[in-house]
């Protein structure tokens, strides 16, 4: 098995793991790791379509992760405010 294949299997396993996630923050973290692995895979094997896809998805997942953190923070603040009533 080549290094490219190994990277591809890791990237694929990360995608599979992301599909099983219930928590949005964890899902986005795993998806970002998958994007990085697929970018490495595409660079090693010279796969421009795979590279383009994951270069586009990486910042999108980062943006959605930031939104998920903000939503979690808002929910925590709301729960704290309700608890003080």
PDB file of N, CA and C in Angstrom:
ATOM      1  N   UNK A   1       0.857  -1.186   0.000  1.00  0.00           N
ATOM      2  CA  UNK A   1       0.000   0.000   0.000  1.00  0.00           C
ATOM      3  C   UNK A   1       0.898   1.242   0.000  1.00  0.00           C
ATOM      4  N   UNK A   2       0.572   2.194  -0.848  1.00  0.00           N
ATOM      5  CA  UNK A   2       1.365   3.411  -0.948  1.00  0.00           C
ATOM      6  C   UNK A   2       0.921   4.430   0.104  1.00  0.00           C
ATOM      7  N   UNK A   3       1.754   5.437   0.298  1.00  0.00           N
ATOM      8  CA  UNK A   3       1.387   6.500   1.245  1.00  0.00           C
ATOM      9  C   UNK A   3       0.120   7.214   0.803  1.00  0.00           C
ATOM     10  N   UNK A   4      -0.033   7.381  -0.512  1.00  0.00           N
ATOM     11  CA  UNK A   4      -1.236   8.020  -1.026  1.00  0.00           C
ATOM     12  C   UNK A   4      -2.486   7.232  -0.670  1.00  0.00           C
ATOM     13  N   UNK A   5      -2.405   5.912  -0.816  1.00  0.00           N
ATOM     14  CA  UNK A   5      -3.549   5.069  -0.466  1.00  0.00           C
ATOM     15  C   UNK A   5      -3.851   5.141   1.016  1.00  0.00           C
ATOM     16  N   UNK A   6      -2.812   5.144   1.833  1.00  0.00           N
ATOM     17  CA  UNK A   6      -3.013   5.226   3.286  1.00  0.00           C
ATOM     18  C   UNK A   6      -3.704   6.529   3.670  1.00  0.00           C
ATOM     19  N   UNK A   7      -3.249   7.629   3.070  1.00  0.00           N
ATOM     20  CA  UNK A   7      -3.880   8.927   3.339  1.00  0.00           C
ATOM     21  C   UNK A   7      -5.344   8.899   2.886  1.00  0.00           C
ATOM     22  N   UNK A   8      -5.597   8.296   1.729  1.00  0.00           N
ATOM     23  CA  UNK A   8      -6.961   8.204   1.215  1.00  0.00           C
ATOM     24  C   UNK A   8      -7.874   7.402   2.132  1.00  0.00           C
ATOM     25  N   UNK A   9      -7.356   6.304   2.690  1.00  0.00           N
ATOM     26  CA  UNK A   9      -8.161   5.500   3.615  1.00  0.00           C
ATOM     27  C   UNK A   9      -8.451   6.259   4.907  1.00  0.00           C
ATOM     28  N   UNK A  10      -7.469   7.005   5.404  1.00  0.00           N
ATOM     29  CA  UNK A  10      -7.684   7.811   6.613  1.00  0.00           C
ATOM     30  C   UNK A  10      -8.731   8.882   6.332  1.00  0.00           C
ATOM     31  N   UNK A  11      -8.599   9.555   5.200  1.00  0.00           N
ATOM     32  CA  UNK A  11      -9.565  10.602   4.832  1.00  0.00           C
ATOM     33  C   UNK A  11     -10.970  10.021   4.705  1.00  0.00           C
ATOM     34  N   UNK A  12     -11.072   8.869   4.079  1.00  0.00           N
ATOM     35  CA  UNK A  12     -12.383   8.224   3.916  1.00  0.00           C
ATOM     36  C   UNK A  12     -12.968   7.803   5.254  1.00  0.00           C
ATOM     37  N   UNK A  13     -12.128   7.293   6.144  1.00  0.00           N
ATOM     38  CA  UNK A  13     -12.598   6.898   7.478  1.00  0.00           C
ATOM     39  C   UNK A  13     -13.102   8.113   8.250  1.00  0.00           C
ATOM     40  N   UNK A  14     -12.450   9.251   8.065  1.00  0.00           N
ATOM     41  CA  UNK A  14     -12.901  10.473   8.734  1.00  0.00           C
ATOM     42  C   UNK A  14     -14.264  10.918   8.204  1.00  0.00           C
ATOM     43  N   UNK A  15     -14.491  10.779   6.903  1.00  0.00           N
ATOM     44  CA  UNK A  15     -15.807  11.110   6.336  1.00  0.00           C
ATOM     45  C   UNK A  15     -16.864  10.188   6.925  1.00  0.00           C
ATOM     46  N   UNK A  16     -16.563   8.911   6.993  1.00  0.00           N
ATOM     47  CA  UNK A  16     -17.498   7.949   7.569  1.00  0.00           C
ATOM     48  C   UNK A  16     -17.803   8.301   9.027  1.00  0.00           C
ATOM     49  N   UNK A  17     -16.770   8.654   9.777  1.00  0.00           N
ATOM     50  CA  UNK A  17     -16.966   9.046  11.179  1.00  0.00           C
ATOM     51  C   UNK A  17     -17.844  10.291  11.280  1.00  0.00           C
ATOM     52  N   UNK A  18     -17.634  11.254  10.387  1.00  0.00           N
ATOM     53  CA  UNK A  18     -18.431  12.484  10.410  1.00  0.00           C
ATOM     54  C   UNK A  18     -19.912  12.195  10.186  1.00  0.00           C
ATOM     55  N   UNK A  19     -20.206  11.241   9.318  1.00  0.00           N
ATOM     56  CA  UNK A  19     -21.609  10.889   9.074  1.00  0.00           C
ATOM     57  C   UNK A  19     -22.274  10.285  10.295  1.00  0.00           C
ATOM     58  N   UNK A  20     -21.493   9.733  11.211  1.00  0.00           N
ATOM     59  CA  UNK A  20     -22.053   9.135  12.419  1.00  0.00           C
ATOM     60  C   UNK A  20     -22.171  10.092  13.590  1.00  0.00           C
ATOM     61  N   UNK A  21     -21.722  11.314  13.420  1.00  0.00           N
ATOM     62  CA  UNK A  21     -21.712  12.276  14.512  1.00  0.00           C
ATOM     63  C   UNK A  21     -23.097  12.883  14.738  1.00  0.00           C
ATOM     64  N   UNK A  22     -23.430  13.066  16.008  1.00  0.00           N
ATOM     65  CA  UNK A  22     -24.671  13.757  16.358  1.00  0.00           C
ATOM     66  C   UNK A  22     -24.392  15.204  16.739  1.00  0.00           C
ATOM     67  N   UNK A  23     -23.280  15.448  17.392  1.00  0.00           N
ATOM     68  CA  UNK A  23     -22.915  16.790  17.845  1.00  0.00           C
ATOM     69  C   UNK A  23     -22.291  17.571  16.690  1.00  0.00           C
ATOM     70  N   UNK A  24     -22.841  18.743  16.399  1.00  0.00           N
ATOM     71  CA  UNK A  24     -22.406  19.525  15.253  1.00  0.00           C
ATOM     72  C   UNK A  24     -20.961  20.009  15.378  1.00  0.00           C
ATOM     73  N   UNK A  25     -20.526  20.362  16.573  1.00  0.00           N
ATOM     74  CA  UNK A  25     -19.146  20.811  16.758  1.00  0.00           C
ATOM     75  C   UNK A  25     -18.189  19.669  16.438  1.00  0.00           C
ATOM     76  N   UNK A  26     -18.447  18.491  16.988  1.00  0.00           N
ATOM     77  CA  UNK A  26     -17.577  17.347  16.712  1.00  0.00           C
ATOM     78  C   UNK A  26     -17.602  16.975  15.236  1.00  0.00           C
ATOM     79  N   UNK A  27     -18.781  17.042  14.625  1.00  0.00           N
ATOM     80  CA  UNK A  27     -18.900  16.734  13.202  1.00  0.00           C
ATOM     81  C   UNK A  27     -18.014  17.667  12.383  1.00  0.00           C
ATOM     82  N   UNK A  28     -18.077  18.949  12.666  1.00  0.00           N
ATOM     83  CA  UNK A  28     -17.283  19.916  11.889  1.00  0.00           C
ATOM     84  C   UNK A  28     -15.783  19.735  12.126  1.00  0.00           C
ATOM     85  N   UNK A  29     -15.386  19.403  13.338  1.00  0.00           N
ATOM     86  CA  UNK A  29     -13.966  19.171  13.610  1.00  0.00           C
ATOM     87  C   UNK A  29     -13.469  17.972  12.809  1.00  0.00           C
ATOM     88  N   UNK A  30     -14.238  16.899  12.810  1.00  0.00           N
ATOM     89  CA  UNK A  30     -13.857  15.711  12.043  1.00  0.00           C
ATOM     90  C   UNK A  30     -13.883  16.012  10.544  1.00  0.00           C
ATOM     91  N   UNK A  31     -14.858  16.789  10.093  1.00  0.00           N
ATOM     92  CA  UNK A  31     -14.934  17.153   8.679  1.00  0.00           C
ATOM     93  C   UNK A  31     -13.722  17.988   8.262  1.00  0.00           C
ATOM     94  N   UNK A  32     -13.270  18.877   9.122  1.00  0.00           N
ATOM     95  CA  UNK A  32     -12.076  19.679   8.826  1.00  0.00           C
ATOM     96  C   UNK A  32     -10.845  18.773   8.727  1.00  0.00           C
ATOM     97  N   UNK A  33     -10.730  17.818   9.635  1.00  0.00           N
ATOM     98  CA  UNK A  33      -9.621  16.854   9.576  1.00  0.00           C
ATOM     99  C   UNK A  33      -9.692  16.054   8.277  1.00  0.00           C
ATOM    100  N   UNK A  34     -10.902  15.687   7.876  1.00  0.00           N
ATOM    101  CA  UNK A  34     -11.095  14.971   6.620  1.00  0.00           C
ATOM    102  C   UNK A  34     -10.682  15.839   5.428  1.00  0.00           C
ATOM    103  N   UNK A  35     -11.045  17.102   5.452  1.00  0.00           N
ATOM    104  CA  UNK A  35     -10.652  18.005   4.366  1.00  0.00           C
ATOM    105  C   UNK A  35      -9.139  18.096   4.242  1.00  0.00           C
ATOM    106  N   UNK A  36      -8.465  18.221   5.375  1.00  0.00           N
ATOM    107  CA  UNK A  36      -6.995  18.304   5.362  1.00  0.00           C
ATOM    108  C   UNK A  36      -6.406  17.009   4.807  1.00  0.00           C
ATOM    109  N   UNK A  37      -6.940  15.871   5.239  1.00  0.00           N
ATOM    110  CA  UNK A  37      -6.439  14.578   4.747  1.00  0.00           C
ATOM    111  C   UNK A  37      -6.693  14.436   3.243  1.00  0.00           C
ATOM    112  N   UNK A  38      -7.863  14.838   2.775  1.00  0.00           N
ATOM    113  CA  UNK A  38      -8.148  14.741   1.342  1.00  0.00           C
ATOM    114  C   UNK A  38      -7.301  15.712   0.527  1.00  0.00           C
ATOM    115  N   UNK A  39      -6.976  16.859   1.080  1.00  0.00           N
ATOM    116  CA  UNK A  39      -6.080  17.789   0.382  1.00  0.00           C
ATOM    117  C   UNK A  39      -4.694  17.148   0.231  1.00  0.00           C
ATOM    118  N   UNK A  40      -4.204  16.531   1.294  1.00  0.00           N
ATOM    119  CA  UNK A  40      -2.911  15.833   1.223  1.00  0.00           C
ATOM    120  C   UNK A  40      -2.976  14.706   0.192  1.00  0.00           C
ATOM    121  N   UNK A  41      -4.051  13.939   0.233  1.00  0.00           N
ATOM    122  CA  UNK A  41      -4.258  12.829  -0.708  1.00  0.00           C
ATOM    123  C   UNK A  41      -4.239  13.336  -2.153  1.00  0.00           C
ATOM    124  N   UNK A  42      -4.958  14.413  -2.399  1.00  0.00           N
ATOM    125  CA  UNK A  42      -5.034  14.971  -3.750  1.00  0.00           C
ATOM    126  C   UNK A  42      -3.683  15.510  -4.216  1.00  0.00           C
ATOM    127  N   UNK A  43      -2.930  16.086  -3.303  1.00  0.00           N
ATOM    128  CA  UNK A  43      -1.606  16.590  -3.670  1.00  0.00           C
ATOM    129  C   UNK A  43      -0.641  15.452  -3.983  1.00  0.00           C
ATOM    130  N   UNK A  44      -0.676  14.399  -3.173  1.00  0.00           N
ATOM    131  CA  UNK A  44       0.230  13.261  -3.378  1.00  0.00           C
ATOM    132  C   UNK A  44      -0.070  12.560  -4.698  1.00  0.00           C
ATOM    133  N   UNK A  45      -1.344  12.390  -5.029  1.00  0.00           N
ATOM    134  CA  UNK A  45      -1.725  11.639  -6.227  1.00  0.00           C
ATOM    135  C   UNK A  45      -2.103  12.524  -7.415  1.00  0.00           C
ATOM    136  N   UNK A  46      -1.924  13.833  -7.273  1.00  0.00           N
ATOM    137  CA  UNK A  46      -2.235  14.785  -8.338  1.00  0.00           C
ATOM    138  C   UNK A  46      -3.675  14.601  -8.841  1.00  0.00           C
ATOM    139  N   UNK A  47      -4.612  14.883  -7.946  1.00  0.00           N
ATOM    140  CA  UNK A  47      -6.037  14.759  -8.253  1.00  0.00           C
ATOM    141  C   UNK A  47      -6.712  16.128  -8.124  1.00  0.00           C
ATOM    142  N   UNK A  48      -6.625  16.957  -9.156  1.00  0.00           N
ATOM    143  CA  UNK A  48      -7.159  18.325  -9.068  1.00  0.00           C
ATOM    144  C   UNK A  48      -8.623  18.434  -8.646  1.00  0.00           C
ATOM    145  N   UNK A  49      -9.552  17.591  -9.135  1.00  0.00           N
ATOM    146  CA  UNK A  49     -10.952  17.746  -8.698  1.00  0.00           C
ATOM    147  C   UNK A  49     -11.126  17.523  -7.194  1.00  0.00           C
ATOM    148  N   UNK A  50     -10.432  16.535  -6.661  1.00  0.00           N
ATOM    149  CA  UNK A  50     -10.509  16.262  -5.213  1.00  0.00           C
ATOM    150  C   UNK A  50      -9.886  17.423  -4.447  1.00  0.00           C
ATOM    151  N   UNK A  51      -8.778  17.922  -4.936  1.00  0.00           N
ATOM    152  CA  UNK A  51      -8.112  19.061  -4.297  1.00  0.00           C
ATOM    153  C   UNK A  51      -9.028  20.281  -4.277  1.00  0.00           C
ATOM    154  N   UNK A  52      -9.624  20.613  -5.413  1.00  0.00           N
ATOM    155  CA  UNK A  52     -10.511  21.785  -5.483  1.00  0.00           C
ATOM    156  C   UNK A  52     -11.690  21.658  -4.526  1.00  0.00           C
ATOM    157  N   UNK A  53     -12.310  20.489  -4.511  1.00  0.00           N
ATOM    158  CA  UNK A  53     -13.461  20.278  -3.641  1.00  0.00           C
ATOM    159  C   UNK A  53     -13.101  20.537  -2.183  1.00  0.00           C
ATOM    160  N   UNK A  54     -12.010  19.957  -1.723  1.00  0.00           N
ATOM    161  CA  UNK A  54     -11.686  20.050  -0.300  1.00  0.00           C
ATOM    162  C   UNK A  54     -11.050  21.389   0.080  1.00  0.00           C
ATOM    163  N   UNK A  55     -10.439  22.065  -0.882  1.00  0.00           N
ATOM    164  CA  UNK A  55      -9.957  23.429  -0.627  1.00  0.00           C
ATOM    165  C   UNK A  55     -11.155  24.365  -0.440  1.00  0.00           C
ATOM    166  N   UNK A  56     -12.243  24.096  -1.148  1.00  0.00           N
ATOM    167  CA  UNK A  56     -13.469  24.887  -0.989  1.00  0.00           C
ATOM    168  C   UNK A  56     -14.201  24.510   0.296  1.00  0.00           C
ATOM    169  N   UNK A  57     -14.271  23.211   0.598  1.00  0.00           N
ATOM    170  CA  UNK A  57     -15.001  22.750   1.786  1.00  0.00           C
ATOM    171  C   UNK A  57     -14.313  23.115   3.096  1.00  0.00           C
ATOM    172  N   UNK A  58     -12.991  23.216   3.092  1.00  0.00           N
ATOM    173  CA  UNK A  58     -12.258  23.503   4.329  1.00  0.00           C
ATOM    174  C   UNK A  58     -12.695  24.817   4.985  1.00  0.00           C
ATOM    175  N   UNK A  59     -12.673  25.949   4.285  1.00  0.00           N
ATOM    176  CA  UNK A  59     -13.142  27.177   4.949  1.00  0.00           C
ATOM    177  C   UNK A  59     -14.647  27.153   5.259  1.00  0.00           C
ATOM    178  N   UNK A  60     -15.422  26.467   4.429  1.00  0.00           N
ATOM    179  CA  UNK A  60     -16.852  26.347   4.709  1.00  0.00           C
ATOM    180  C   UNK A  60     -17.072  25.607   6.033  1.00  0.00           C
ATOM    181  N   UNK A  61     -16.357  24.515   6.234  1.00  0.00           N
ATOM    182  CA  UNK A  61     -16.475  23.786   7.495  1.00  0.00           C
ATOM    183  C   UNK A  61     -15.954  24.617   8.671  1.00  0.00           C
ATOM    184  N   UNK A  62     -14.907  25.398   8.443  1.00  0.00           N
ATOM    185  CA  UNK A  62     -14.407  26.285   9.500  1.00  0.00           C
ATOM    186  C   UNK A  62     -15.434  27.330   9.885  1.00  0.00           C
ATOM    187  N   UNK A  63     -16.095  27.894   8.891  1.00  0.00           N
ATOM    188  CA  UNK A  63     -17.140  28.899   9.131  1.00  0.00           C
ATOM    189  C   UNK A  63     -18.311  28.275   9.890  1.00  0.00           C
ATOM    190  N   UNK A  64     -18.742  27.094   9.463  1.00  0.00           N
ATOM    191  CA  UNK A  64     -19.850  26.416  10.143  1.00  0.00           C
ATOM    192  C   UNK A  64     -19.461  25.988  11.563  1.00  0.00           C
ATOM    193  N   UNK A  65     -18.194  25.640  11.768  1.00  0.00           N
ATOM    194  CA  UNK A  65     -17.723  25.314  13.120  1.00  0.00           C
ATOM    195  C   UNK A  65     -17.822  26.541  14.019  1.00  0.00           C
ATOM    196  N   UNK A  66     -17.406  27.687  13.511  1.00  0.00           N
ATOM    197  CA  UNK A  66     -17.511  28.930  14.285  1.00  0.00           C
ATOM    198  C   UNK A  66     -18.962  29.221  14.636  1.00  0.00           C
ATOM    199  N   UNK A  67     -19.867  29.009  13.685  1.00  0.00           N
ATOM    200  CA  UNK A  67     -21.294  29.216  13.951  1.00  0.00           C
ATOM    201  C   UNK A  67     -21.795  28.246  15.024  1.00  0.00           C
ATOM    202  N   UNK A  68     -21.361  27.007  14.963  1.00  0.00           N
ATOM    203  CA  UNK A  68     -21.789  26.008  15.949  1.00  0.00           C
ATOM    204  C   UNK A  68     -21.286  26.379  17.343  1.00  0.00           C
ATOM    205  N   UNK A  69     -20.047  26.894  17.424  1.00  0.00           N
ATOM    206  CA  UNK A  69     -19.524  27.345  18.718  1.00  0.00           C
ATOM    207  C   UNK A  69     -20.350  28.523  19.246  1.00  0.00           C
ATOM    208  N   UNK A  70     -20.703  29.467  18.367  1.00  0.00           N
ATOM    209  CA  UNK A  70     -21.507  30.614  18.788  1.00  0.00           C
ATOM    210  C   UNK A  70     -22.881  30.163  19.280  1.00  0.00           C
ATOM    211  N   UNK A  71     -23.482  29.230  18.560  1.00  0.00           N
ATOM    212  CA  UNK A  71     -24.797  28.721  18.958  1.00  0.00           C
ATOM    213  C   UNK A  71     -24.721  28.006  20.300  1.00  0.00           C
ATOM    214  N   UNK A  72     -23.675  27.224  20.497  1.00  0.00           N
ATOM    215  CA  UNK A  72     -23.492  26.513  21.767  1.00  0.00           C
ATOM    216  C   UNK A  72     -23.306  27.525  22.902  1.00  0.00           C
ATOM    217  N   UNK A  73     -22.545  28.596  22.624  1.00  0.00           N
ATOM    218  CA  UNK A  73     -22.303  29.632  23.635  1.00  0.00           C
ATOM    219  C   UNK A  73     -23.609  30.352  23.982  1.00  0.00           C
ATOM    220  N   UNK A  74     -24.411  30.671  22.962  1.00  0.00           N
ATOM    221  CA  UNK A  74     -25.700  31.321  23.204  1.00  0.00           C
ATOM    222  C   UNK A  74     -26.629  30.430  24.022  1.00  0.00           C
ATOM    223  N   UNK A  75     -26.654  29.150  23.718  1.00  0.00           N
ATOM    224  CA  UNK A  75     -27.500  28.212  24.459  1.00  0.00           C
ATOM    225  C   UNK A  75     -27.044  28.112  25.912  1.00  0.00           C
ATOM    226  N   UNK A  76     -25.737  28.130  26.137  1.00  0.00           N
ATOM    227  CA  UNK A  76     -25.197  28.082  27.498  1.00  0.00           C
ATOM    228  C   UNK A  76     -25.577  29.342  28.245  1.00  0.00           C
ATOM    229  N   UNK A  77     -25.449  30.504  27.607  1.00  0.00           N
ATOM    230  CA  UNK A  77     -25.812  31.775  28.243  1.00  0.00           C
ATOM    231  C   UNK A  77     -27.308  31.802  28.586  1.00  0.00           C
ATOM    232  N   UNK A  78     -28.133  31.318  27.675  1.00  0.00           N
ATOM    233  CA  UNK A  78     -29.572  31.284  27.906  1.00  0.00           C
ATOM    234  C   UNK A  78     -29.901  30.357  29.095  1.00  0.00           C
ATOM    235  N   UNK A  79     -29.268  29.198  29.127  1.00  0.00           N
ATOM    236  CA  UNK A  79     -29.511  28.265  30.230  1.00  0.00           C
ATOM    237  C   UNK A  79     -29.063  28.866  31.553  1.00  0.00           C
ATOM    238  N   UNK A  80     -27.972  29.596  31.545  1.00  0.00           N
ATOM    239  CA  UNK A  80     -27.512  30.259  32.768  1.00  0.00           C
ATOM    240  C   UNK A  80     -28.489  31.332  33.215  1.00  0.00           C
ATOM    241  N   UNK A  81     -29.015  32.103  32.263  1.00  0.00           N
ATOM    242  CA  UNK A  81     -29.964  33.161  32.578  1.00  0.00           C
ATOM    243  C   UNK A  81     -31.249  32.568  33.131  1.00  0.00           C
ATOM    244  N   UNK A  82     -31.727  31.490  32.570  1.00  0.00           N
ATOM    245  CA  UNK A  82     -32.948  30.839  33.036  1.00  0.00           C
ATOM    246  C   UNK A  82     -32.726  30.258  34.427  1.00  0.00           C
ATOM    247  N   UNK A  83     -31.546  29.733  34.672  1.00  0.00           N
ATOM    248  CA  UNK A  83     -31.229  29.160  35.980  1.00  0.00           C
ATOM    249  C   UNK A  83     -31.180  30.200  37.089  1.00  0.00           C
ATOM    250  N   UNK A  84     -30.928  31.461  36.737  1.00  0.00           N
ATOM    251  CA  UNK A  84     -30.854  32.527  37.734  1.00  0.00           C
ATOM    252  C   UNK A  84     -32.223  33.076  38.101  1.00  0.00           C
ATOM    253  N   UNK A  85     -33.253  32.698  37.356  1.00  0.00           N
ATOM    254  CA  UNK A  85     -34.607  33.222  37.633  1.00  0.00           C
ATOM    255  C   UNK A  85     -35.169  32.678  38.898  1.00  0.00           C
TER     256      UNK A  85
END
